[in-house]
Amino acid sequence: MNTVTNRDYEQTLIKIARVLPSSRVEQLVDFARFLEAQILSEDLIRQESVPEIEADNEKWEALMATDESQALLDKMAVEALAEHRAGKTTPMAFNNKGRIVPG
């Protein structure tokens, strides 16, 4: 029986990373961190009850309603739009489960 272990995957990733240009290695690392964050998020969601999640949402809504946060969001939006217009962005793609797919 042929089983693949985490070590096999590690070796495969290392081989791939060694032949990629540095910009692609950065993307590989970013994607790995994204996947890691998804797992952490899923774990957190499983640990929180609905009332706890609702309380967190209320706190965020109150924070986002402040003038200071709106000014910061406006600034970030202007910066993001400038990056997009300068061609420094790429479209995101999602699978049928709503998860981002590498592009």
C-alpha atoms as a PDB file:
ATOM      1  CA  MET A   1       0.000   0.000   0.000  1.00  0.00           C
ATOM      2  CA  ASN A   2       1.365   3.433  -0.965  1.00  0.00           C
ATOM      3  CA  THR A   3       0.670   6.047   1.705  1.00  0.00           C
ATOM      4  CA  VAL A   4       1.751   9.662   1.568  1.00  0.00           C
ATOM      5  CA  THR A   5       3.001  11.199   4.797  1.00  0.00           C
ATOM      6  CA  ASN A   6       3.383  14.831   5.821  1.00  0.00           C
ATOM      7  CA  ARG A   7       7.119  14.356   5.380  1.00  0.00           C
ATOM      8  CA  ASP A   8       6.530  13.354   1.749  1.00  0.00           C
ATOM      9  CA  TYR A   9       4.518  16.535   1.225  1.00  0.00           C
ATOM     10  CA  GLU A  10       7.226  18.595   2.908  1.00  0.00           C
ATOM     11  CA  GLN A  11       9.858  17.160   0.589  1.00  0.00           C
ATOM     12  CA  THR A  12       7.636  17.811  -2.429  1.00  0.00           C
ATOM     13  CA  LEU A  13       7.076  21.421  -1.369  1.00  0.00           C
ATOM     14  CA  ILE A  14      10.797  21.933  -0.808  1.00  0.00           C
ATOM     15  CA  LYS A  15      11.584  20.560  -4.286  1.00  0.00           C
ATOM     16  CA  ILE A  16       8.979  22.850  -5.829  1.00  0.00           C
ATOM     17  CA  ALA A  17      10.162  25.898  -3.873  1.00  0.00           C
ATOM     18  CA  ARG A  18      13.771  25.348  -4.960  1.00  0.00           C
ATOM     19  CA  VAL A  19      12.930  25.740  -8.664  1.00  0.00           C
ATOM     20  CA  LEU A  20      10.463  28.619  -8.378  1.00  0.00           C
ATOM     21  CA  PRO A  21      11.433  32.250  -8.838  1.00  0.00           C
ATOM     22  CA  SER A  22      11.576  34.114  -5.531  1.00  0.00           C
ATOM     23  CA  SER A  23       8.326  35.977  -6.235  1.00  0.00           C
ATOM     24  CA  ARG A  24       6.514  32.656  -6.644  1.00  0.00           C
ATOM     25  CA  VAL A  25       8.083  31.287  -3.452  1.00  0.00           C
ATOM     26  CA  GLU A  26       6.679  34.331  -1.663  1.00  0.00           C
ATOM     27  CA  GLN A  27       3.254  33.484  -3.086  1.00  0.00           C
ATOM     28  CA  LEU A  28       3.632  29.880  -1.967  1.00  0.00           C
ATOM     29  CA  VAL A  29       4.480  30.995   1.569  1.00  0.00           C
ATOM     30  CA  ASP A  30       1.593  33.494   1.568  1.00  0.00           C
ATOM     31  CA  PHE A  31      -0.814  30.786   0.455  1.00  0.00           C
ATOM     32  CA  ALA A  32       0.482  28.394   3.115  1.00  0.00           C
ATOM     33  CA  ARG A  33      -0.048  31.090   5.744  1.00  0.00           C
ATOM     34  CA  PHE A  34      -3.546  31.685   4.385  1.00  0.00           C
ATOM     35  CA  LEU A  35      -4.355  27.980   4.734  1.00  0.00           C
ATOM     36  CA  GLU A  36      -2.936  27.986   8.246  1.00  0.00           C
ATOM     37  CA  ALA A  37      -5.104  30.992   9.152  1.00  0.00           C
ATOM     38  CA  GLN A  38      -8.196  29.246   7.768  1.00  0.00           C
ATOM     39  CA  ILE A  39      -7.596  26.303  10.087  1.00  0.00           C
ATOM     40  CA  LEU A  40      -7.145  28.631  13.051  1.00  0.00           C
ATOM     41  CA  SER A  41     -10.341  30.496  12.123  1.00  0.00           C
ATOM     42  CA  GLU A  42     -12.295  27.265  11.813  1.00  0.00           C
ATOM     43  CA  ASP A  43     -11.004  26.143  15.215  1.00  0.00           C
ATOM     44  CA  LEU A  44     -12.018  29.461  16.785  1.00  0.00           C
ATOM     45  CA  ILE A  45     -15.495  29.264  15.284  1.00  0.00           C
ATOM     46  CA  ARG A  46     -15.961  25.767  16.695  1.00  0.00           C
ATOM     47  CA  GLN A  47     -14.890  27.006  20.138  1.00  0.00           C
ATOM     48  CA  GLU A  48     -17.280  29.986  20.259  1.00  0.00           C
ATOM     49  CA  SER A  49     -20.963  29.821  21.011  1.00  0.00           C
ATOM     50  CA  VAL A  50     -23.537  31.748  18.993  1.00  0.00           C
ATOM     51  CA  PRO A  51     -24.026  34.343  21.781  1.00  0.00           C
ATOM     52  CA  GLU A  52     -20.240  34.891  21.934  1.00  0.00           C
ATOM     53  CA  ILE A  53     -20.050  35.378  18.173  1.00  0.00           C
ATOM     54  CA  GLU A  54     -22.995  37.788  18.266  1.00  0.00           C
ATOM     55  CA  ALA A  55     -21.354  39.775  21.084  1.00  0.00           C
ATOM     56  CA  ASP A  56     -18.124  39.995  19.062  1.00  0.00           C
ATOM     57  CA  ASN A  57     -20.087  41.169  16.031  1.00  0.00           C
ATOM     58  CA  GLU A  58     -21.771  43.883  18.095  1.00  0.00           C
ATOM     59  CA  LYS A  59     -18.376  45.101  19.329  1.00  0.00           C
ATOM     60  CA  TRP A  60     -17.048  45.264  15.763  1.00  0.00           C
ATOM     61  CA  GLU A  61     -20.153  47.099  14.564  1.00  0.00           C
ATOM     62  CA  ALA A  62     -19.744  49.672  17.346  1.00  0.00           C
ATOM     63  CA  LEU A  63     -16.063  50.104  16.511  1.00  0.00           C
ATOM     64  CA  MET A  64     -16.757  50.495  12.787  1.00  0.00           C
ATOM     65  CA  ALA A  65     -19.402  53.129  13.504  1.00  0.00           C
ATOM     66  CA  THR A  66     -16.839  55.605  14.876  1.00  0.00           C
ATOM     67  CA  ASP A  67     -15.626  58.552  12.794  1.00  0.00           C
ATOM     68  CA  GLU A  68     -12.014  57.506  13.338  1.00  0.00           C
ATOM     69  CA  SER A  69     -12.538  54.011  11.966  1.00  0.00           C
ATOM     70  CA  GLN A  70     -14.499  55.341   8.992  1.00  0.00           C
ATOM     71  CA  ALA A  71     -11.664  57.745   8.168  1.00  0.00           C
ATOM     72  CA  LEU A  72      -9.164  54.886   8.350  1.00  0.00           C
ATOM     73  CA  LEU A  73     -11.347  52.678   6.155  1.00  0.00           C
ATOM     74  CA  ASP A  74     -11.700  55.515   3.635  1.00  0.00           C
ATOM     75  CA  LYS A  75      -7.913  55.939   3.555  1.00  0.00           C
ATOM     76  CA  MET A  76      -7.383  52.214   3.058  1.00  0.00           C
ATOM     77  CA  ALA A  77      -9.969  52.179   0.262  1.00  0.00           C
ATOM     78  CA  VAL A  78      -8.215  55.044  -1.543  1.00  0.00           C
ATOM     79  CA  GLU A  79      -4.875  53.209  -1.236  1.00  0.00           C
ATOM     80  CA  ALA A  80      -6.381  49.938  -2.484  1.00  0.00           C
ATOM     81  CA  LEU A  81      -8.017  51.648  -5.440  1.00  0.00           C
ATOM     82  CA  ALA A  82      -4.721  53.347  -6.344  1.00  0.00           C
ATOM     83  CA  GLU A  83      -2.930  49.974  -6.251  1.00  0.00           C
ATOM     84  CA  HIS A  84      -5.648  48.446  -8.427  1.00  0.00           C
ATOM     85  CA  ARG A  85      -5.469  51.271 -10.961  1.00  0.00           C
ATOM     86  CA  ALA A  86      -1.672  50.895 -11.034  1.00  0.00           C
ATOM     87  CA  GLY A  87      -2.067  47.222 -11.972  1.00  0.00           C
ATOM     88  CA  LYS A  88      -0.667  45.923  -8.693  1.00  0.00           C
ATOM     89  CA  THR A  89      -3.649  43.682  -7.883  1.00  0.00           C
ATOM     90  CA  THR A  90      -4.939  40.357  -9.151  1.00  0.00           C
ATOM     91  CA  PRO A  91      -8.487  39.018  -9.058  1.00  0.00           C
ATOM     92  CA  MET A  92      -9.368  36.496  -6.379  1.00  0.00           C
ATOM     93  CA  ALA A  93     -10.926  33.174  -7.357  1.00  0.00           C
ATOM     94  CA  PHE A  94     -13.090  31.027  -5.103  1.00  0.00           C
ATOM     95  CA  ASN A  95     -14.202  27.416  -5.236  1.00  0.00           C
ATOM     96  CA  ASN A  96     -17.810  26.277  -4.753  1.00  0.00           C
ATOM     97  CA  LYS A  97     -17.279  26.179  -0.972  1.00  0.00           C
ATOM     98  CA  GLY A  98     -16.311  29.856  -0.922  1.00  0.00           C
ATOM     99  CA  ARG A  99     -12.642  29.197  -0.304  1.00  0.00           C
ATOM    100  CA  ILE A 100      -9.957  31.099  -2.151  1.00  0.00           C
ATOM    101  CA  VAL A 101      -8.109  29.136  -4.811  1.00  0.00           C
ATOM    102  CA  PRO A 102      -4.526  29.830  -5.834  1.00  0.00           C
ATOM    103  CA  GLY A 103      -4.185  31.850  -8.987  1.00  0.00           C
END
